[in-house]
Amino acid sequence: MQWVRENKPDPQKKKAYRTALIITLSGNILLAVAKGLVSCFSGSIALYADTANSISDGIHSLAMVGGLSIALWIFKSAFEAGKENFAFLTGAGASKEFREEIIKVVKNVEGVETVHHMMSDYVGPKLVVDVHINLPRAKTLDGVHAISDRVIEALEDLPEVDRAYVHVEPYEDFVKADNDVPSQDNA
């Protein structure tokens, strides 16, 4: 397909093809009219049958050109739609810039110590985001749940995000593992 996009037809060749098509169609029409007139004046049944054949050839030529034009238009439209939506259809993730924005949004939620893992996948036109955050071990279950809910709400407020999932781990375990940089996986 890249060859097709890069090798556009020469405008002079396009004009020559159009001219040839117009001459062919015009020739078939003129031939049919001439045969029809002669068959009427001469009363020849064979010439009348040949006139019908010429008219049939002209109609067939027009149908072929029209059908080919429509087929090419359909192919072009389908190709462009597929190219535009390929990432959505194959489950691509958010761009690097948007992943960084997601992490920033999560870190701005009060109570979140760090974000150590983030994944995103397109499901249709929107993203599903999965983040792993670290909270102090001393937090109560209710406190952890409230922070997790705020993170989900903050992420789902982003217009590009459909759903968000939050996995919570103790901050102390994160520090013991000497993890300085959160991962920004793009599944």
N, C-alpha and C. Protein backbone atom coordinates (compact mmCIF):
# COMPACT_ATOMS: atom_id res chain seq x y z
N MET A 1 0.82 -1.19 0.00
CA MET A 1 0.00 0.00 0.00
C MET A 1 0.87 1.26 0.00
N GLN A 2 2.04 1.16 0.63
CA GLN A 2 2.91 2.32 0.67
C GLN A 2 3.32 2.71 -0.76
N TRP A 3 3.57 1.71 -1.61
CA TRP A 3 3.93 1.98 -2.99
C TRP A 3 2.81 2.74 -3.69
N VAL A 4 1.57 2.35 -3.42
CA VAL A 4 0.42 3.02 -4.04
C VAL A 4 0.37 4.48 -3.62
N ARG A 5 0.61 4.74 -2.31
CA ARG A 5 0.55 6.11 -1.82
C ARG A 5 1.69 6.96 -2.36
N GLU A 6 2.89 6.36 -2.47
CA GLU A 6 4.05 7.13 -2.89
C GLU A 6 4.12 7.33 -4.41
N ASN A 7 3.55 6.43 -5.18
CA ASN A 7 3.64 6.50 -6.63
C ASN A 7 2.30 6.95 -7.22
N LYS A 8 2.07 8.22 -7.09
CA LYS A 8 0.85 8.80 -7.65
C LYS A 8 0.94 8.76 -9.18
N PRO A 9 -0.19 8.53 -9.86
CA PRO A 9 -0.15 8.50 -11.32
C PRO A 9 0.25 9.84 -11.91
N ASP A 10 0.96 9.76 -13.00
CA ASP A 10 1.39 10.95 -13.73
C ASP A 10 0.14 11.67 -14.25
N PRO A 11 0.01 12.97 -14.01
CA PRO A 11 -1.19 13.69 -14.46
C PRO A 11 -1.41 13.58 -15.98
N GLN A 12 -0.33 13.52 -16.76
CA GLN A 12 -0.48 13.38 -18.21
C GLN A 12 -1.04 12.01 -18.56
N LYS A 13 -0.60 10.96 -17.85
CA LYS A 13 -1.13 9.62 -18.10
C LYS A 13 -2.61 9.55 -17.70
N LYS A 14 -2.94 10.19 -16.56
CA LYS A 14 -4.35 10.21 -16.14
C LYS A 14 -5.22 10.86 -17.21
N LYS A 15 -4.72 11.98 -17.74
CA LYS A 15 -5.47 12.69 -18.77
C LYS A 15 -5.59 11.82 -20.03
N ALA A 16 -4.51 11.10 -20.37
CA ALA A 16 -4.54 10.24 -21.55
C ALA A 16 -5.55 9.10 -21.35
N TYR A 17 -5.59 8.51 -20.14
CA TYR A 17 -6.54 7.43 -19.86
C TYR A 17 -7.98 7.94 -19.96
N ARG A 18 -8.23 9.12 -19.39
CA ARG A 18 -9.57 9.69 -19.47
C ARG A 18 -9.97 9.96 -20.92
N THR A 19 -9.03 10.51 -21.67
CA THR A 19 -9.29 10.81 -23.08
C THR A 19 -9.61 9.52 -23.85
N ALA A 20 -8.82 8.47 -23.59
CA ALA A 20 -9.06 7.19 -24.26
C ALA A 20 -10.44 6.64 -23.88
N LEU A 21 -10.81 6.77 -22.63
CA LEU A 21 -12.11 6.29 -22.17
C LEU A 21 -13.24 7.06 -22.86
N ILE A 22 -13.10 8.38 -22.92
CA ILE A 22 -14.13 9.22 -23.55
C ILE A 22 -14.24 8.89 -25.05
N ILE A 23 -13.09 8.71 -25.69
CA ILE A 23 -13.10 8.38 -27.12
C ILE A 23 -13.77 7.02 -27.35
N THR A 24 -13.44 6.04 -26.49
CA THR A 24 -14.04 4.71 -26.63
C THR A 24 -15.54 4.75 -26.43
N LEU A 25 -15.98 5.40 -25.37
CA LEU A 25 -17.42 5.49 -25.12
C LEU A 25 -18.14 6.28 -26.23
N SER A 26 -17.53 7.39 -26.63
CA SER A 26 -18.13 8.19 -27.71
C SER A 26 -18.19 7.40 -29.00
N GLY A 27 -17.13 6.65 -29.29
CA GLY A 27 -17.10 5.82 -30.49
C GLY A 27 -18.19 4.77 -30.48
N ASN A 28 -18.39 4.11 -29.30
CA ASN A 28 -19.46 3.10 -29.20
C ASN A 28 -20.83 3.73 -29.40
N ILE A 29 -21.03 4.91 -28.83
CA ILE A 29 -22.33 5.59 -28.96
C ILE A 29 -22.57 6.01 -30.42
N LEU A 30 -21.54 6.63 -31.02
CA LEU A 30 -21.67 7.04 -32.43
C LEU A 30 -21.89 5.85 -33.36
N LEU A 31 -21.16 4.76 -33.09
CA LEU A 31 -21.32 3.56 -33.90
C LEU A 31 -22.74 3.00 -33.78
N ALA A 32 -23.25 2.99 -32.54
CA ALA A 32 -24.61 2.48 -32.34
C ALA A 32 -25.63 3.37 -33.05
N VAL A 33 -25.46 4.69 -32.97
CA VAL A 33 -26.39 5.61 -33.63
C VAL A 33 -26.32 5.42 -35.15
N ALA A 34 -25.09 5.35 -35.68
CA ALA A 34 -24.93 5.19 -37.13
C ALA A 34 -25.55 3.87 -37.61
N LYS A 35 -25.27 2.78 -36.89
CA LYS A 35 -25.84 1.48 -37.26
C LYS A 35 -27.36 1.52 -37.16
N GLY A 36 -27.87 2.18 -36.12
CA GLY A 36 -29.31 2.28 -35.95
C GLY A 36 -29.97 3.01 -37.10
N LEU A 37 -29.36 4.13 -37.54
CA LEU A 37 -29.91 4.90 -38.66
C LEU A 37 -29.88 4.08 -39.95
N VAL A 38 -28.75 3.43 -40.20
CA VAL A 38 -28.62 2.64 -41.42
C VAL A 38 -29.61 1.47 -41.40
N SER A 39 -29.76 0.82 -40.22
CA SER A 39 -30.68 -0.33 -40.15
C SER A 39 -32.13 0.12 -40.37
N CYS A 40 -32.47 1.31 -39.90
CA CYS A 40 -33.83 1.84 -40.11
C CYS A 40 -34.10 2.10 -41.59
N PHE A 41 -33.11 2.73 -42.27
CA PHE A 41 -33.31 3.07 -43.69
C PHE A 41 -33.22 1.85 -44.60
N SER A 42 -32.36 0.89 -44.20
CA SER A 42 -32.19 -0.28 -45.07
C SER A 42 -33.13 -1.42 -44.73
N GLY A 43 -33.66 -1.44 -43.50
CA GLY A 43 -34.55 -2.52 -43.08
C GLY A 43 -33.80 -3.81 -42.78
N SER A 44 -32.47 -3.74 -42.59
CA SER A 44 -31.66 -4.93 -42.33
C SER A 44 -31.81 -5.38 -40.87
N ILE A 45 -32.28 -6.61 -40.72
CA ILE A 45 -32.43 -7.16 -39.36
C ILE A 45 -31.06 -7.43 -38.74
N ALA A 46 -30.09 -7.85 -39.54
CA ALA A 46 -28.74 -8.13 -39.04
C ALA A 46 -28.10 -6.85 -38.52
N LEU A 47 -28.27 -5.75 -39.24
CA LEU A 47 -27.73 -4.47 -38.82
C LEU A 47 -28.44 -3.97 -37.55
N TYR A 48 -29.73 -4.23 -37.48
CA TYR A 48 -30.49 -3.87 -36.28
C TYR A 48 -29.97 -4.64 -35.06
N ALA A 49 -29.69 -5.94 -35.23
CA ALA A 49 -29.14 -6.77 -34.14
C ALA A 49 -27.76 -6.27 -33.75
N ASP A 50 -26.96 -5.87 -34.74
CA ASP A 50 -25.62 -5.36 -34.44
C ASP A 50 -25.70 -4.02 -33.71
N THR A 51 -26.73 -3.22 -34.03
CA THR A 51 -26.95 -1.96 -33.31
C THR A 51 -27.23 -2.23 -31.84
N ALA A 52 -28.08 -3.22 -31.60
CA ALA A 52 -28.38 -3.60 -30.21
C ALA A 52 -27.12 -4.06 -29.50
N ASN A 53 -26.25 -4.79 -30.21
CA ASN A 53 -24.99 -5.24 -29.63
C ASN A 53 -24.09 -4.05 -29.29
N SER A 54 -24.01 -3.07 -30.17
CA SER A 54 -23.19 -1.88 -29.91
C SER A 54 -23.72 -1.10 -28.71
N ILE A 55 -25.05 -0.97 -28.62
CA ILE A 55 -25.65 -0.29 -27.46
C ILE A 55 -25.32 -1.06 -26.19
N SER A 56 -25.41 -2.38 -26.27
CA SER A 56 -25.09 -3.22 -25.11
C SER A 56 -23.63 -3.04 -24.71
N ASP A 57 -22.72 -2.96 -25.71
CA ASP A 57 -21.30 -2.73 -25.41
C ASP A 57 -21.10 -1.38 -24.70
N GLY A 58 -21.79 -0.36 -25.16
CA GLY A 58 -21.68 0.97 -24.54
C GLY A 58 -22.17 0.97 -23.11
N ILE A 59 -23.33 0.33 -22.89
CA ILE A 59 -23.86 0.25 -21.52
C ILE A 59 -22.92 -0.55 -20.63
N HIS A 60 -22.39 -1.65 -21.18
CA HIS A 60 -21.46 -2.48 -20.42
C HIS A 60 -20.21 -1.68 -20.05
N SER A 61 -19.69 -0.89 -20.99
CA SER A 61 -18.50 -0.06 -20.72
C SER A 61 -18.78 0.95 -19.61
N LEU A 62 -19.93 1.61 -19.68
CA LEU A 62 -20.30 2.57 -18.63
C LEU A 62 -20.44 1.88 -17.27
N ALA A 63 -21.07 0.71 -17.28
CA ALA A 63 -21.24 -0.03 -16.02
C ALA A 63 -19.89 -0.44 -15.45
N MET A 64 -18.97 -0.85 -16.31
CA MET A 64 -17.64 -1.25 -15.84
C MET A 64 -16.91 -0.06 -15.21
N VAL A 65 -16.95 1.08 -15.88
CA VAL A 65 -16.28 2.28 -15.37
C VAL A 65 -16.92 2.71 -14.05
N GLY A 66 -18.25 2.72 -14.03
CA GLY A 66 -18.95 3.11 -12.79
C GLY A 66 -18.66 2.14 -11.66
N GLY A 67 -18.70 0.86 -11.95
CA GLY A 67 -18.44 -0.15 -10.92
C GLY A 67 -17.03 -0.08 -10.39
N LEU A 68 -16.07 0.10 -11.29
CA LEU A 68 -14.68 0.21 -10.87
C LEU A 68 -14.47 1.46 -10.02
N SER A 69 -15.09 2.57 -10.42
CA SER A 69 -14.97 3.81 -9.64
C SER A 69 -15.53 3.63 -8.23
N ILE A 70 -16.69 3.00 -8.14
CA ILE A 70 -17.30 2.77 -6.82
C ILE A 70 -16.44 1.82 -5.99
N ALA A 71 -15.92 0.76 -6.60
CA ALA A 71 -15.08 -0.20 -5.88
C ALA A 71 -13.82 0.48 -5.34
N LEU A 72 -13.19 1.33 -6.16
CA LEU A 72 -11.99 2.04 -5.70
C LEU A 72 -12.32 3.01 -4.56
N TRP A 73 -13.45 3.68 -4.67
CA TRP A 73 -13.86 4.60 -3.59
C TRP A 73 -14.10 3.82 -2.29
N ILE A 74 -14.77 2.67 -2.37
CA ILE A 74 -15.01 1.85 -1.18
C ILE A 74 -13.69 1.37 -0.59
N PHE A 75 -12.78 0.89 -1.44
CA PHE A 75 -11.48 0.42 -0.95
C PHE A 75 -10.72 1.55 -0.27
N LYS A 76 -10.70 2.73 -0.89
CA LYS A 76 -9.98 3.88 -0.31
C LYS A 76 -10.57 4.25 1.05
N SER A 77 -11.91 4.29 1.13
CA SER A 77 -12.57 4.65 2.39
C SER A 77 -12.27 3.62 3.48
N ALA A 78 -12.34 2.34 3.13
CA ALA A 78 -12.07 1.29 4.11
C ALA A 78 -10.62 1.32 4.56
N PHE A 79 -9.71 1.55 3.63
CA PHE A 79 -8.29 1.61 3.97
C PHE A 79 -8.01 2.77 4.92
N GLU A 80 -8.57 3.94 4.62
CA GLU A 80 -8.35 5.11 5.47
C GLU A 80 -8.96 4.91 6.85
N ALA A 81 -10.15 4.32 6.92
CA ALA A 81 -10.79 4.07 8.22
C ALA A 81 -9.97 3.06 9.02
N GLY A 82 -9.50 2.02 8.37
CA GLY A 82 -8.68 1.02 9.06
C GLY A 82 -7.37 1.60 9.55
N LYS A 83 -6.73 2.40 8.70
CA LYS A 83 -5.46 3.03 9.07
C LYS A 83 -5.64 3.96 10.27
N GLU A 84 -6.72 4.74 10.24
CA GLU A 84 -6.99 5.69 11.31
C GLU A 84 -7.31 4.99 12.64
N ASN A 85 -7.97 3.84 12.59
CA ASN A 85 -8.44 3.17 13.80
C ASN A 85 -7.67 1.92 14.17
N PHE A 86 -6.57 1.62 13.48
CA PHE A 86 -5.82 0.39 13.73
C PHE A 86 -5.39 0.28 15.19
N ALA A 87 -4.88 1.37 15.74
CA ALA A 87 -4.42 1.33 17.14
C ALA A 87 -5.57 1.02 18.09
N PHE A 88 -6.74 1.62 17.84
CA PHE A 88 -7.89 1.35 18.70
C PHE A 88 -8.32 -0.10 18.59
N LEU A 89 -8.29 -0.63 17.37
CA LEU A 89 -8.78 -1.99 17.13
C LEU A 89 -7.83 -3.05 17.68
N THR A 90 -6.57 -2.73 17.82
CA THR A 90 -5.59 -3.72 18.28
C THR A 90 -5.20 -3.54 19.74
N GLY A 91 -5.87 -2.66 20.47
CA GLY A 91 -5.62 -2.52 21.90
C GLY A 91 -4.38 -1.74 22.26
N ALA A 92 -4.00 -0.77 21.46
CA ALA A 92 -2.84 0.05 21.78
C ALA A 92 -3.12 0.86 23.05
N GLY A 93 -2.07 1.37 23.64
CA GLY A 93 -2.22 2.15 24.85
C GLY A 93 -2.06 3.64 24.60
N ALA A 94 -2.10 4.38 25.68
CA ALA A 94 -1.98 5.83 25.62
C ALA A 94 -0.58 6.25 25.17
N SER A 95 -0.50 7.45 24.63
CA SER A 95 0.80 8.00 24.23
C SER A 95 1.64 8.27 25.47
N LYS A 96 2.93 8.46 25.28
CA LYS A 96 3.83 8.73 26.40
C LYS A 96 3.39 9.99 27.16
N GLU A 97 3.01 11.01 26.42
CA GLU A 97 2.59 12.27 27.05
C GLU A 97 1.34 12.05 27.92
N PHE A 98 0.39 11.28 27.40
CA PHE A 98 -0.83 11.06 28.17
C PHE A 98 -0.57 10.14 29.36
N ARG A 99 0.35 9.17 29.23
CA ARG A 99 0.72 8.33 30.38
C ARG A 99 1.30 9.20 31.49
N GLU A 100 2.15 10.16 31.10
CA GLU A 100 2.73 11.07 32.09
C GLU A 100 1.64 11.92 32.75
N GLU A 101 0.64 12.34 31.96
CA GLU A 101 -0.47 13.11 32.52
C GLU A 101 -1.27 12.26 33.51
N ILE A 102 -1.49 11.00 33.18
CA ILE A 102 -2.22 10.10 34.07
C ILE A 102 -1.49 9.97 35.40
N ILE A 103 -0.19 9.76 35.34
CA ILE A 103 0.60 9.63 36.58
C ILE A 103 0.55 10.91 37.39
N LYS A 104 0.61 12.05 36.70
CA LYS A 104 0.54 13.35 37.39
C LYS A 104 -0.82 13.50 38.10
N VAL A 105 -1.90 13.13 37.41
CA VAL A 105 -3.25 13.22 37.99
C VAL A 105 -3.32 12.35 39.25
N VAL A 106 -2.79 11.13 39.16
CA VAL A 106 -2.85 10.21 40.31
C VAL A 106 -2.01 10.75 41.47
N LYS A 107 -0.82 11.26 41.18
CA LYS A 107 0.06 11.78 42.24
C LYS A 107 -0.55 13.01 42.92
N ASN A 108 -1.41 13.73 42.20
CA ASN A 108 -2.04 14.92 42.78
C ASN A 108 -3.20 14.59 43.72
N VAL A 109 -3.61 13.33 43.75
CA VAL A 109 -4.67 12.94 44.68
C VAL A 109 -4.08 12.88 46.08
N GLU A 110 -4.74 13.58 47.00
CA GLU A 110 -4.24 13.65 48.37
C GLU A 110 -4.15 12.25 48.99
N GLY A 111 -2.97 11.95 49.57
CA GLY A 111 -2.76 10.67 50.23
C GLY A 111 -1.91 9.70 49.42
N VAL A 112 -1.81 9.89 48.11
CA VAL A 112 -1.01 8.98 47.27
C VAL A 112 0.47 9.32 47.46
N GLU A 113 1.24 8.32 47.86
CA GLU A 113 2.69 8.51 48.05
C GLU A 113 3.43 8.40 46.71
N THR A 114 3.18 7.30 45.99
CA THR A 114 3.85 7.10 44.69
C THR A 114 2.93 6.30 43.76
N VAL A 115 3.28 6.36 42.50
CA VAL A 115 2.66 5.50 41.48
C VAL A 115 3.81 4.67 40.95
N HIS A 116 3.73 3.35 41.15
CA HIS A 116 4.87 2.54 40.71
C HIS A 116 4.58 1.70 39.47
N HIS A 117 3.36 1.74 38.99
CA HIS A 117 3.05 0.96 37.79
C HIS A 117 1.77 1.53 37.17
N MET A 118 1.78 1.63 35.83
CA MET A 118 0.59 2.14 35.15
C MET A 118 0.50 1.47 33.79
N MET A 119 -0.69 0.98 33.47
CA MET A 119 -0.95 0.39 32.16
C MET A 119 -2.21 1.03 31.59
N SER A 120 -2.24 1.09 30.27
CA SER A 120 -3.45 1.62 29.63
C SER A 120 -3.68 0.85 28.33
N ASP A 121 -4.93 0.62 28.02
CA ASP A 121 -5.33 -0.06 26.78
C ASP A 121 -6.54 0.66 26.21
N TYR A 122 -6.54 0.82 24.90
CA TYR A 122 -7.74 1.32 24.25
C TYR A 122 -8.74 0.18 24.15
N VAL A 123 -9.94 0.43 24.60
CA VAL A 123 -11.06 -0.47 24.41
C VAL A 123 -12.10 0.38 23.69
N GLY A 124 -12.13 0.23 22.38
CA GLY A 124 -12.91 1.16 21.58
C GLY A 124 -12.15 2.47 21.51
N PRO A 125 -12.85 3.59 21.54
CA PRO A 125 -12.17 4.88 21.41
C PRO A 125 -11.61 5.44 22.72
N LYS A 126 -11.88 4.77 23.84
CA LYS A 126 -11.43 5.28 25.14
C LYS A 126 -10.48 4.30 25.81
N LEU A 127 -9.81 4.80 26.85
CA LEU A 127 -8.80 4.02 27.55
C LEU A 127 -9.34 3.35 28.80
N VAL A 128 -8.79 2.19 29.09
CA VAL A 128 -8.95 1.55 30.39
C VAL A 128 -7.57 1.67 31.05
N VAL A 129 -7.54 2.25 32.24
CA VAL A 129 -6.29 2.53 32.93
C VAL A 129 -6.21 1.68 34.20
N ASP A 130 -5.03 1.09 34.42
CA ASP A 130 -4.77 0.29 35.61
C ASP A 130 -3.53 0.88 36.27
N VAL A 131 -3.69 1.41 37.49
CA VAL A 131 -2.55 1.99 38.20
C VAL A 131 -2.31 1.26 39.51
N HIS A 132 -1.04 1.19 39.87
CA HIS A 132 -0.64 0.63 41.16
C HIS A 132 -0.06 1.79 41.97
N ILE A 133 -0.67 2.05 43.12
CA ILE A 133 -0.23 3.16 43.96
C ILE A 133 0.27 2.61 45.28
N ASN A 134 1.05 3.44 45.96
CA ASN A 134 1.56 3.08 47.28
C ASN A 134 1.01 4.04 48.31
N LEU A 135 0.49 3.48 49.41
CA LEU A 135 -0.02 4.26 50.52
C LEU A 135 0.63 3.78 51.81
N PRO A 136 0.71 4.65 52.82
CA PRO A 136 1.31 4.23 54.09
C PRO A 136 0.57 3.03 54.69
N ARG A 137 1.34 2.10 55.22
CA ARG A 137 0.78 0.89 55.81
C ARG A 137 -0.15 1.22 56.98
N ALA A 138 0.08 2.34 57.65
CA ALA A 138 -0.71 2.70 58.83
C ALA A 138 -2.12 3.17 58.48
N LYS A 139 -2.41 3.41 57.21
CA LYS A 139 -3.75 3.86 56.82
C LYS A 139 -4.78 2.79 57.14
N THR A 140 -5.97 3.24 57.51
CA THR A 140 -7.06 2.29 57.75
C THR A 140 -7.63 1.81 56.41
N LEU A 141 -8.36 0.73 56.47
CA LEU A 141 -8.98 0.21 55.26
C LEU A 141 -9.93 1.25 54.66
N ASP A 142 -10.69 1.92 55.52
CA ASP A 142 -11.59 2.97 55.03
C ASP A 142 -10.81 4.10 54.37
N GLY A 143 -9.69 4.47 54.96
CA GLY A 143 -8.86 5.55 54.40
C GLY A 143 -8.28 5.15 53.04
N VAL A 144 -7.79 3.92 52.96
CA VAL A 144 -7.23 3.41 51.71
C VAL A 144 -8.32 3.37 50.63
N HIS A 145 -9.49 2.90 51.02
CA HIS A 145 -10.61 2.81 50.07
C HIS A 145 -11.02 4.20 49.58
N ALA A 146 -11.04 5.17 50.46
CA ALA A 146 -11.41 6.54 50.09
C ALA A 146 -10.40 7.13 49.10
N ILE A 147 -9.11 6.91 49.36
CA ILE A 147 -8.07 7.42 48.45
C ILE A 147 -8.19 6.71 47.10
N SER A 148 -8.39 5.41 47.13
CA SER A 148 -8.54 4.64 45.90
C SER A 148 -9.73 5.15 45.08
N ASP A 149 -10.84 5.44 45.74
CA ASP A 149 -12.03 5.98 45.06
C ASP A 149 -11.73 7.35 44.45
N ARG A 150 -10.98 8.18 45.15
CA ARG A 150 -10.64 9.51 44.62
C ARG A 150 -9.73 9.39 43.39
N VAL A 151 -8.82 8.42 43.43
CA VAL A 151 -7.95 8.20 42.28
C VAL A 151 -8.78 7.76 41.07
N ILE A 152 -9.69 6.81 41.29
CA ILE A 152 -10.57 6.35 40.21
C ILE A 152 -11.39 7.51 39.66
N GLU A 153 -11.96 8.30 40.54
CA GLU A 153 -12.78 9.44 40.10
C GLU A 153 -11.95 10.44 39.30
N ALA A 154 -10.72 10.74 39.77
CA ALA A 154 -9.85 11.70 39.07
C ALA A 154 -9.50 11.18 37.67
N LEU A 155 -9.22 9.88 37.56
CA LEU A 155 -8.88 9.31 36.26
C LEU A 155 -10.08 9.27 35.32
N GLU A 156 -11.23 8.87 35.86
CA GLU A 156 -12.41 8.76 35.02
C GLU A 156 -13.00 10.12 34.65
N ASP A 157 -12.52 11.18 35.30
CA ASP A 157 -12.91 12.53 34.90
C ASP A 157 -12.17 12.98 33.63
N LEU A 158 -11.07 12.30 33.30
CA LEU A 158 -10.35 12.61 32.06
C LEU A 158 -11.21 12.13 30.89
N PRO A 159 -11.42 12.96 29.88
CA PRO A 159 -12.32 12.58 28.78
C PRO A 159 -11.84 11.36 27.99
N GLU A 160 -10.54 11.08 28.01
CA GLU A 160 -10.00 9.96 27.24
C GLU A 160 -10.16 8.62 27.96
N VAL A 161 -10.53 8.66 29.26
CA VAL A 161 -10.57 7.44 30.08
C VAL A 161 -12.01 6.97 30.27
N ASP A 162 -12.22 5.69 29.99
CA ASP A 162 -13.53 5.07 30.19
C ASP A 162 -13.63 4.49 31.60
N ARG A 163 -12.63 3.68 31.96
CA ARG A 163 -12.63 3.02 33.28
C ARG A 163 -11.23 3.08 33.86
N ALA A 164 -11.17 3.09 35.18
CA ALA A 164 -9.88 3.07 35.87
C ALA A 164 -9.92 2.03 36.98
N TYR A 165 -8.81 1.33 37.14
CA TYR A 165 -8.66 0.34 38.20
C TYR A 165 -7.44 0.72 39.02
N VAL A 166 -7.56 0.58 40.34
CA VAL A 166 -6.47 0.96 41.23
C VAL A 166 -6.08 -0.24 42.08
N HIS A 167 -4.79 -0.51 42.11
CA HIS A 167 -4.24 -1.56 42.97
C HIS A 167 -3.39 -0.85 44.03
N VAL A 168 -3.63 -1.14 45.29
CA VAL A 168 -2.94 -0.44 46.38
C VAL A 168 -1.94 -1.37 47.05
N GLU A 169 -0.73 -0.84 47.28
CA GLU A 169 0.32 -1.59 47.98
C GLU A 169 0.93 -0.68 49.04
N PRO A 170 1.52 -1.28 50.06
CA PRO A 170 2.12 -0.47 51.13
C PRO A 170 3.33 0.32 50.63
N TYR A 171 3.40 1.57 51.04
CA TYR A 171 4.49 2.44 50.65
C TYR A 171 5.82 1.92 51.20
N GLU A 172 5.79 1.39 52.40
CA GLU A 172 7.03 0.91 53.04
C GLU A 172 7.68 -0.21 52.22
N ASP A 173 6.89 -1.10 51.63
CA ASP A 173 7.44 -2.18 50.80
C ASP A 173 8.08 -1.61 49.54
N PHE A 174 7.51 -0.54 49.03
CA PHE A 174 8.04 0.12 47.84
C PHE A 174 9.40 0.72 48.14
N VAL A 175 9.53 1.37 49.29
CA VAL A 175 10.78 2.01 49.67
C VAL A 175 11.85 0.95 49.93
N LYS A 176 11.49 -0.17 50.58
CA LYS A 176 12.44 -1.25 50.84
C LYS A 176 13.00 -1.83 49.56
N ALA A 177 12.20 -1.88 48.54
CA ALA A 177 12.63 -2.45 47.27
C ALA A 177 13.50 -1.47 46.48
N ASP A 178 13.72 -0.25 47.02
CA ASP A 178 14.55 0.77 46.40
C ASP A 178 14.07 1.09 44.97
N ASN A 179 12.78 1.30 44.86
CA ASN A 179 12.19 1.67 43.59
C ASN A 179 12.11 3.18 43.50
N ASP A 180 12.92 3.77 42.65
CA ASP A 180 12.92 5.22 42.53
C ASP A 180 11.99 5.72 41.43
N VAL A 181 11.86 4.96 40.35
CA VAL A 181 11.13 5.44 39.19
C VAL A 181 9.91 4.57 38.96
N PRO A 182 8.73 5.20 38.90
CA PRO A 182 7.54 4.40 38.61
C PRO A 182 7.60 3.91 37.16
N SER A 183 7.12 2.68 36.96
CA SER A 183 7.08 2.18 35.58
C SER A 183 5.87 2.77 34.88
N GLN A 184 5.99 2.94 33.58
CA GLN A 184 4.89 3.50 32.78
C GLN A 184 4.64 2.54 31.64
N ASP A 185 4.28 1.33 31.97
CA ASP A 185 4.04 0.31 30.94
C ASP A 185 2.91 0.73 30.03
N ASN A 186 3.06 0.36 28.80
CA ASN A 186 2.00 0.63 27.80
C ASN A 186 1.65 -0.69 27.17
N ALA A 187 0.58 -1.31 27.67
CA ALA A 187 0.22 -2.63 27.16
C ALA A 187 -0.42 -2.54 25.81
